[in-house]
Amino acid sequence: MIRMSTASKRMPLLSACVLAGVVCAALAGTTPARANDDAGKKKAEASCAACHGPEGNKPVTAETPRLAGQQFDYLVQVLAQYRKGTRDNAVMSAMAKPLTEKEIRDLAGYYARQQGLTTQQ
């Protein structure tokens, strides 16, 4: 029978922890935490607030969506689709066309962190 030292027994656990850390670090690049809130707020106030309202919470029409509290990944996906022309809306396509990837992520991060519509139960 072969006996493993205590250090040998800990190696698989240590390897798993290191791997988990690497995966978390890689995923952190795709979260709103990586977006620049100041840049997102500035861009939102300059480009989006006229239709979506301050902080994305007061759309000017019933057809204009509330952006505050929306999921980061959803906002990134939708803005990218408007920019590429795979999602069609004359106003949004024109607004999204000049956006860079960074600006899209900054906007999505900013709106995802805003207090969204809540309902009382």
N, C-alpha and C. Protein backbone atom coordinates (compact mmCIF):
# COMPACT_ATOMS: atom_id res chain seq x y z
N MET A 1 0.83 -1.17 0.00
CA MET A 1 0.00 0.00 0.00
C MET A 1 0.89 1.25 0.00
N ILE A 2 0.59 2.19 -0.87
CA ILE A 2 1.36 3.42 -0.99
C ILE A 2 0.66 4.49 -0.18
N ARG A 3 1.43 5.16 0.66
CA ARG A 3 0.88 6.23 1.48
C ARG A 3 1.22 7.57 0.84
N MET A 4 0.24 8.43 0.76
CA MET A 4 0.47 9.76 0.20
C MET A 4 0.72 10.72 1.35
N SER A 5 1.64 11.62 1.14
CA SER A 5 1.90 12.64 2.15
C SER A 5 0.74 13.63 2.17
N THR A 6 0.65 14.39 3.25
CA THR A 6 -0.40 15.41 3.37
C THR A 6 -0.30 16.42 2.25
N ALA A 7 0.93 16.80 1.89
CA ALA A 7 1.13 17.76 0.80
C ALA A 7 0.62 17.19 -0.51
N SER A 8 0.84 15.89 -0.75
CA SER A 8 0.37 15.26 -1.99
C SER A 8 -1.15 15.24 -2.06
N LYS A 9 -1.79 15.07 -0.91
CA LYS A 9 -3.25 15.03 -0.87
C LYS A 9 -3.84 16.41 -1.16
N ARG A 10 -3.11 17.46 -0.82
CA ARG A 10 -3.61 18.82 -1.02
C ARG A 10 -3.41 19.32 -2.45
N MET A 11 -2.56 18.71 -3.20
CA MET A 11 -2.26 19.18 -4.56
C MET A 11 -3.51 19.23 -5.45
N PRO A 12 -4.35 18.18 -5.48
CA PRO A 12 -5.54 18.30 -6.34
C PRO A 12 -6.44 19.46 -5.92
N LEU A 13 -6.59 19.67 -4.61
CA LEU A 13 -7.41 20.78 -4.14
C LEU A 13 -6.79 22.12 -4.53
N LEU A 14 -5.48 22.24 -4.38
CA LEU A 14 -4.79 23.46 -4.76
C LEU A 14 -4.93 23.71 -6.26
N SER A 15 -4.78 22.67 -7.05
CA SER A 15 -4.93 22.80 -8.51
C SER A 15 -6.34 23.25 -8.88
N ALA A 16 -7.33 22.70 -8.20
CA ALA A 16 -8.72 23.08 -8.48
C ALA A 16 -8.95 24.54 -8.11
N CYS A 17 -8.38 24.99 -7.00
CA CYS A 17 -8.54 26.38 -6.59
C CYS A 17 -7.87 27.33 -7.57
N VAL A 18 -6.69 26.97 -8.04
CA VAL A 18 -5.99 27.80 -9.01
C VAL A 18 -6.79 27.87 -10.30
N LEU A 19 -7.29 26.73 -10.76
CA LEU A 19 -8.09 26.69 -11.98
C LEU A 19 -9.35 27.55 -11.82
N ALA A 20 -10.01 27.46 -10.68
CA ALA A 20 -11.21 28.26 -10.44
C ALA A 20 -10.87 29.75 -10.47
N GLY A 21 -9.73 30.11 -9.91
CA GLY A 21 -9.30 31.51 -9.92
C GLY A 21 -9.05 32.01 -11.33
N VAL A 22 -8.43 31.18 -12.15
CA VAL A 22 -8.15 31.56 -13.54
C VAL A 22 -9.46 31.74 -14.31
N VAL A 23 -10.40 30.83 -14.12
CA VAL A 23 -11.69 30.92 -14.81
C VAL A 23 -12.43 32.17 -14.36
N CYS A 24 -12.45 32.45 -13.07
CA CYS A 24 -13.13 33.65 -12.57
C CYS A 24 -12.50 34.92 -13.12
N ALA A 25 -11.17 34.94 -13.19
CA ALA A 25 -10.48 36.11 -13.73
C ALA A 25 -10.84 36.32 -15.19
N ALA A 26 -10.93 35.23 -15.94
CA ALA A 26 -11.28 35.34 -17.36
C ALA A 26 -12.71 35.83 -17.53
N LEU A 27 -13.62 35.33 -16.70
CA LEU A 27 -15.01 35.75 -16.79
C LEU A 27 -15.20 37.18 -16.32
N ALA A 28 -14.34 37.66 -15.45
CA ALA A 28 -14.47 39.03 -14.96
C ALA A 28 -14.37 40.04 -16.09
N GLY A 29 -13.70 39.68 -17.17
CA GLY A 29 -13.57 40.58 -18.32
C GLY A 29 -14.87 40.75 -19.08
N THR A 30 -15.88 39.92 -18.78
CA THR A 30 -17.15 40.00 -19.49
C THR A 30 -18.28 40.52 -18.62
N THR A 31 -17.95 41.09 -17.48
CA THR A 31 -18.99 41.56 -16.57
C THR A 31 -19.06 43.08 -16.55
N PRO A 32 -20.13 43.61 -16.01
CA PRO A 32 -20.23 45.06 -15.94
C PRO A 32 -19.16 45.67 -15.05
N ALA A 33 -18.54 44.89 -14.19
CA ALA A 33 -17.49 45.45 -13.33
C ALA A 33 -16.32 45.98 -14.15
N ARG A 34 -16.14 45.49 -15.35
CA ARG A 34 -15.05 45.94 -16.21
C ARG A 34 -15.43 47.19 -16.99
N ALA A 35 -16.68 47.55 -16.98
CA ALA A 35 -17.12 48.73 -17.71
C ALA A 35 -16.78 49.99 -16.90
N ASN A 36 -16.56 51.08 -17.59
CA ASN A 36 -16.22 52.34 -16.94
C ASN A 36 -17.51 53.11 -16.68
N ASP A 37 -17.88 53.21 -15.40
CA ASP A 37 -19.14 53.85 -15.04
C ASP A 37 -19.17 55.33 -15.40
N ASP A 38 -18.07 56.04 -15.19
CA ASP A 38 -18.05 57.47 -15.53
C ASP A 38 -18.23 57.68 -17.02
N ALA A 39 -17.52 56.90 -17.82
CA ALA A 39 -17.65 57.02 -19.27
C ALA A 39 -19.05 56.62 -19.72
N GLY A 40 -19.59 55.55 -19.11
CA GLY A 40 -20.93 55.10 -19.45
C GLY A 40 -21.98 56.15 -19.12
N LYS A 41 -21.85 56.77 -17.95
CA LYS A 41 -22.79 57.81 -17.53
C LYS A 41 -22.72 59.01 -18.46
N LYS A 42 -21.51 59.42 -18.78
CA LYS A 42 -21.32 60.58 -19.67
C LYS A 42 -21.93 60.32 -21.04
N LYS A 43 -21.68 59.14 -21.60
CA LYS A 43 -22.22 58.78 -22.91
C LYS A 43 -23.75 58.67 -22.84
N ALA A 44 -24.26 58.09 -21.76
CA ALA A 44 -25.70 57.93 -21.60
C ALA A 44 -26.40 59.28 -21.54
N GLU A 45 -25.82 60.20 -20.77
CA GLU A 45 -26.42 61.54 -20.66
C GLU A 45 -26.39 62.29 -21.99
N ALA A 46 -25.32 62.08 -22.75
CA ALA A 46 -25.18 62.80 -24.02
C ALA A 46 -26.01 62.18 -25.15
N SER A 47 -26.14 60.86 -25.15
CA SER A 47 -26.74 60.19 -26.30
C SER A 47 -28.07 59.49 -26.04
N CYS A 48 -28.30 59.06 -24.83
CA CYS A 48 -29.45 58.18 -24.58
C CYS A 48 -30.58 58.82 -23.77
N ALA A 49 -30.23 59.76 -22.92
CA ALA A 49 -31.21 60.31 -21.97
C ALA A 49 -32.38 61.01 -22.65
N ALA A 50 -32.17 61.56 -23.83
CA ALA A 50 -33.27 62.27 -24.51
C ALA A 50 -34.46 61.35 -24.76
N CYS A 51 -34.22 60.09 -25.00
CA CYS A 51 -35.31 59.14 -25.26
C CYS A 51 -35.60 58.22 -24.07
N HIS A 52 -34.53 57.77 -23.40
CA HIS A 52 -34.69 56.79 -22.32
C HIS A 52 -34.79 57.43 -20.95
N GLY A 53 -34.59 58.74 -20.87
CA GLY A 53 -34.71 59.46 -19.63
C GLY A 53 -33.47 59.38 -18.76
N PRO A 54 -33.46 60.19 -17.70
CA PRO A 54 -32.32 60.19 -16.79
C PRO A 54 -32.10 58.80 -16.20
N GLU A 55 -30.86 58.34 -16.25
CA GLU A 55 -30.47 57.02 -15.74
C GLU A 55 -31.24 55.88 -16.39
N GLY A 56 -31.86 56.14 -17.52
CA GLY A 56 -32.61 55.10 -18.24
C GLY A 56 -33.91 54.71 -17.59
N ASN A 57 -34.44 55.58 -16.74
CA ASN A 57 -35.62 55.25 -15.96
C ASN A 57 -36.92 55.93 -16.36
N LYS A 58 -36.85 56.89 -17.28
CA LYS A 58 -38.07 57.62 -17.65
C LYS A 58 -38.16 57.77 -19.16
N PRO A 59 -38.50 56.68 -19.86
CA PRO A 59 -38.64 56.78 -21.33
C PRO A 59 -39.70 57.81 -21.71
N VAL A 60 -39.46 58.48 -22.84
CA VAL A 60 -40.37 59.54 -23.26
C VAL A 60 -41.64 59.01 -23.91
N THR A 61 -41.61 57.78 -24.41
CA THR A 61 -42.82 57.18 -24.99
C THR A 61 -43.00 55.77 -24.43
N ALA A 62 -44.18 55.23 -24.58
CA ALA A 62 -44.45 53.87 -24.11
C ALA A 62 -43.66 52.83 -24.89
N GLU A 63 -43.29 53.16 -26.13
CA GLU A 63 -42.54 52.21 -26.96
C GLU A 63 -41.04 52.20 -26.65
N THR A 64 -40.57 53.23 -25.96
CA THR A 64 -39.15 53.33 -25.63
C THR A 64 -38.89 52.52 -24.37
N PRO A 65 -37.96 51.56 -24.42
CA PRO A 65 -37.74 50.72 -23.24
C PRO A 65 -37.01 51.42 -22.11
N ARG A 66 -37.27 50.95 -20.92
CA ARG A 66 -36.55 51.38 -19.72
C ARG A 66 -35.24 50.60 -19.71
N LEU A 67 -34.12 51.28 -19.62
CA LEU A 67 -32.81 50.63 -19.65
C LEU A 67 -32.25 50.33 -18.27
N ALA A 68 -32.66 51.10 -17.29
CA ALA A 68 -32.14 50.93 -15.93
C ALA A 68 -32.45 49.54 -15.40
N GLY A 69 -31.42 48.89 -14.88
CA GLY A 69 -31.59 47.57 -14.28
C GLY A 69 -31.62 46.42 -15.27
N GLN A 70 -31.50 46.71 -16.56
CA GLN A 70 -31.46 45.63 -17.54
C GLN A 70 -30.17 44.82 -17.38
N GLN A 71 -30.16 43.61 -17.84
CA GLN A 71 -28.98 42.75 -17.75
C GLN A 71 -27.87 43.27 -18.66
N PHE A 72 -26.66 43.28 -18.11
CA PHE A 72 -25.48 43.75 -18.84
C PHE A 72 -25.33 43.04 -20.19
N ASP A 73 -25.33 41.71 -20.17
CA ASP A 73 -25.12 40.95 -21.41
C ASP A 73 -26.20 41.23 -22.45
N TYR A 74 -27.45 41.39 -22.00
CA TYR A 74 -28.54 41.70 -22.92
C TYR A 74 -28.31 43.05 -23.59
N LEU A 75 -27.93 44.05 -22.79
CA LEU A 75 -27.70 45.38 -23.37
C LEU A 75 -26.54 45.37 -24.35
N VAL A 76 -25.46 44.66 -24.02
CA VAL A 76 -24.32 44.55 -24.94
C VAL A 76 -24.78 43.91 -26.25
N GLN A 77 -25.52 42.81 -26.14
CA GLN A 77 -25.99 42.10 -27.33
C GLN A 77 -26.89 42.97 -28.21
N VAL A 78 -27.84 43.65 -27.60
CA VAL A 78 -28.79 44.47 -28.37
C VAL A 78 -28.09 45.64 -29.04
N LEU A 79 -27.22 46.34 -28.30
CA LEU A 79 -26.51 47.47 -28.91
C LEU A 79 -25.61 47.00 -30.05
N ALA A 80 -24.97 45.86 -29.89
CA ALA A 80 -24.13 45.32 -30.96
C ALA A 80 -24.99 44.97 -32.18
N GLN A 81 -26.18 44.43 -31.95
CA GLN A 81 -27.07 44.10 -33.06
C GLN A 81 -27.54 45.35 -33.80
N TYR A 82 -27.87 46.39 -33.07
CA TYR A 82 -28.24 47.65 -33.72
C TYR A 82 -27.06 48.20 -34.52
N ARG A 83 -25.89 48.13 -33.95
CA ARG A 83 -24.69 48.66 -34.63
C ARG A 83 -24.41 47.89 -35.91
N LYS A 84 -24.56 46.59 -35.88
CA LYS A 84 -24.29 45.75 -37.06
C LYS A 84 -25.43 45.77 -38.08
N GLY A 85 -26.61 46.21 -37.64
CA GLY A 85 -27.76 46.24 -38.54
C GLY A 85 -28.55 44.95 -38.54
N THR A 86 -28.26 44.01 -37.63
CA THR A 86 -29.02 42.76 -37.54
C THR A 86 -30.29 42.93 -36.72
N ARG A 87 -30.41 44.05 -36.04
CA ARG A 87 -31.63 44.43 -35.33
C ARG A 87 -32.00 45.80 -35.88
N ASP A 88 -33.27 45.97 -36.22
CA ASP A 88 -33.63 47.17 -36.96
C ASP A 88 -34.53 48.12 -36.17
N ASN A 89 -34.07 49.34 -36.05
CA ASN A 89 -34.83 50.46 -35.56
C ASN A 89 -34.08 51.68 -36.06
N ALA A 90 -34.75 52.52 -36.81
CA ALA A 90 -34.06 53.64 -37.45
C ALA A 90 -33.29 54.51 -36.46
N VAL A 91 -33.91 54.85 -35.35
CA VAL A 91 -33.25 55.71 -34.37
C VAL A 91 -32.10 54.97 -33.69
N MET A 92 -32.37 53.77 -33.19
CA MET A 92 -31.34 53.04 -32.46
C MET A 92 -30.19 52.62 -33.37
N SER A 93 -30.48 52.26 -34.58
CA SER A 93 -29.40 51.89 -35.51
C SER A 93 -28.47 53.07 -35.74
N ALA A 94 -29.06 54.25 -35.92
CA ALA A 94 -28.25 55.46 -36.12
C ALA A 94 -27.45 55.81 -34.87
N MET A 95 -28.02 55.60 -33.69
CA MET A 95 -27.33 55.91 -32.44
C MET A 95 -26.21 54.90 -32.16
N ALA A 96 -26.44 53.65 -32.48
CA ALA A 96 -25.48 52.59 -32.14
C ALA A 96 -24.36 52.43 -33.17
N LYS A 97 -24.61 52.82 -34.40
CA LYS A 97 -23.61 52.63 -35.47
C LYS A 97 -22.23 53.18 -35.11
N PRO A 98 -22.09 54.38 -34.56
CA PRO A 98 -20.75 54.90 -34.27
C PRO A 98 -20.14 54.41 -32.95
N LEU A 99 -20.89 53.63 -32.16
CA LEU A 99 -20.36 53.18 -30.87
C LEU A 99 -19.23 52.17 -31.03
N THR A 100 -18.23 52.30 -30.19
CA THR A 100 -17.14 51.31 -30.14
C THR A 100 -17.55 50.19 -29.19
N GLU A 101 -16.81 49.08 -29.21
CA GLU A 101 -17.07 47.99 -28.28
C GLU A 101 -16.99 48.49 -26.84
N LYS A 102 -15.99 49.31 -26.56
CA LYS A 102 -15.80 49.84 -25.21
C LYS A 102 -16.99 50.71 -24.80
N GLU A 103 -17.44 51.56 -25.69
CA GLU A 103 -18.59 52.41 -25.38
C GLU A 103 -19.84 51.58 -25.12
N ILE A 104 -20.03 50.53 -25.90
CA ILE A 104 -21.18 49.64 -25.69
C ILE A 104 -21.09 49.01 -24.30
N ARG A 105 -19.93 48.51 -23.93
CA ARG A 105 -19.74 47.89 -22.63
C ARG A 105 -19.91 48.91 -21.50
N ASP A 106 -19.41 50.12 -21.70
CA ASP A 106 -19.56 51.16 -20.69
C ASP A 106 -21.03 51.52 -20.49
N LEU A 107 -21.75 51.69 -21.58
CA LEU A 107 -23.19 51.99 -21.49
C LEU A 107 -23.95 50.85 -20.82
N ALA A 108 -23.69 49.64 -21.25
CA ALA A 108 -24.38 48.47 -20.69
C ALA A 108 -24.09 48.34 -19.20
N GLY A 109 -22.84 48.55 -18.82
CA GLY A 109 -22.49 48.48 -17.41
C GLY A 109 -23.17 49.56 -16.59
N TYR A 110 -23.19 50.75 -17.13
CA TYR A 110 -23.84 51.86 -16.43
C TYR A 110 -25.32 51.58 -16.21
N TYR A 111 -26.02 51.21 -17.28
CA TYR A 111 -27.46 50.96 -17.15
C TYR A 111 -27.76 49.73 -16.30
N ALA A 112 -26.94 48.71 -16.37
CA ALA A 112 -27.15 47.50 -15.58
C ALA A 112 -27.05 47.79 -14.08
N ARG A 113 -26.26 48.77 -13.70
CA ARG A 113 -26.09 49.11 -12.29
C ARG A 113 -27.11 50.13 -11.77
N GLN A 114 -27.95 50.64 -12.62
CA GLN A 114 -28.97 51.60 -12.18
C GLN A 114 -30.14 50.86 -11.53
N GLN A 115 -30.81 51.56 -10.63
CA GLN A 115 -32.01 51.00 -10.00
C GLN A 115 -33.11 50.96 -11.04
N GLY A 116 -33.61 49.78 -11.33
CA GLY A 116 -34.64 49.63 -12.35
C GLY A 116 -36.04 49.64 -11.77
N LEU A 117 -36.99 49.41 -12.63
CA LEU A 117 -38.39 49.36 -12.24
C LEU A 117 -38.61 48.21 -11.28
N THR A 118 -39.25 48.48 -10.19
CA THR A 118 -39.60 47.42 -9.25
C THR A 118 -41.10 47.49 -8.98
N THR A 119 -41.67 46.38 -8.66
CA THR A 119 -43.10 46.34 -8.35
C THR A 119 -43.28 45.92 -6.90
N GLN A 120 -44.29 46.46 -6.26
CA GLN A 120 -44.59 46.08 -4.88
C GLN A 120 -45.53 44.90 -4.90
N GLN A 121 -45.28 43.99 -3.97
CA GLN A 121 -46.15 42.80 -3.90
C GLN A 121 -46.94 42.78 -2.62
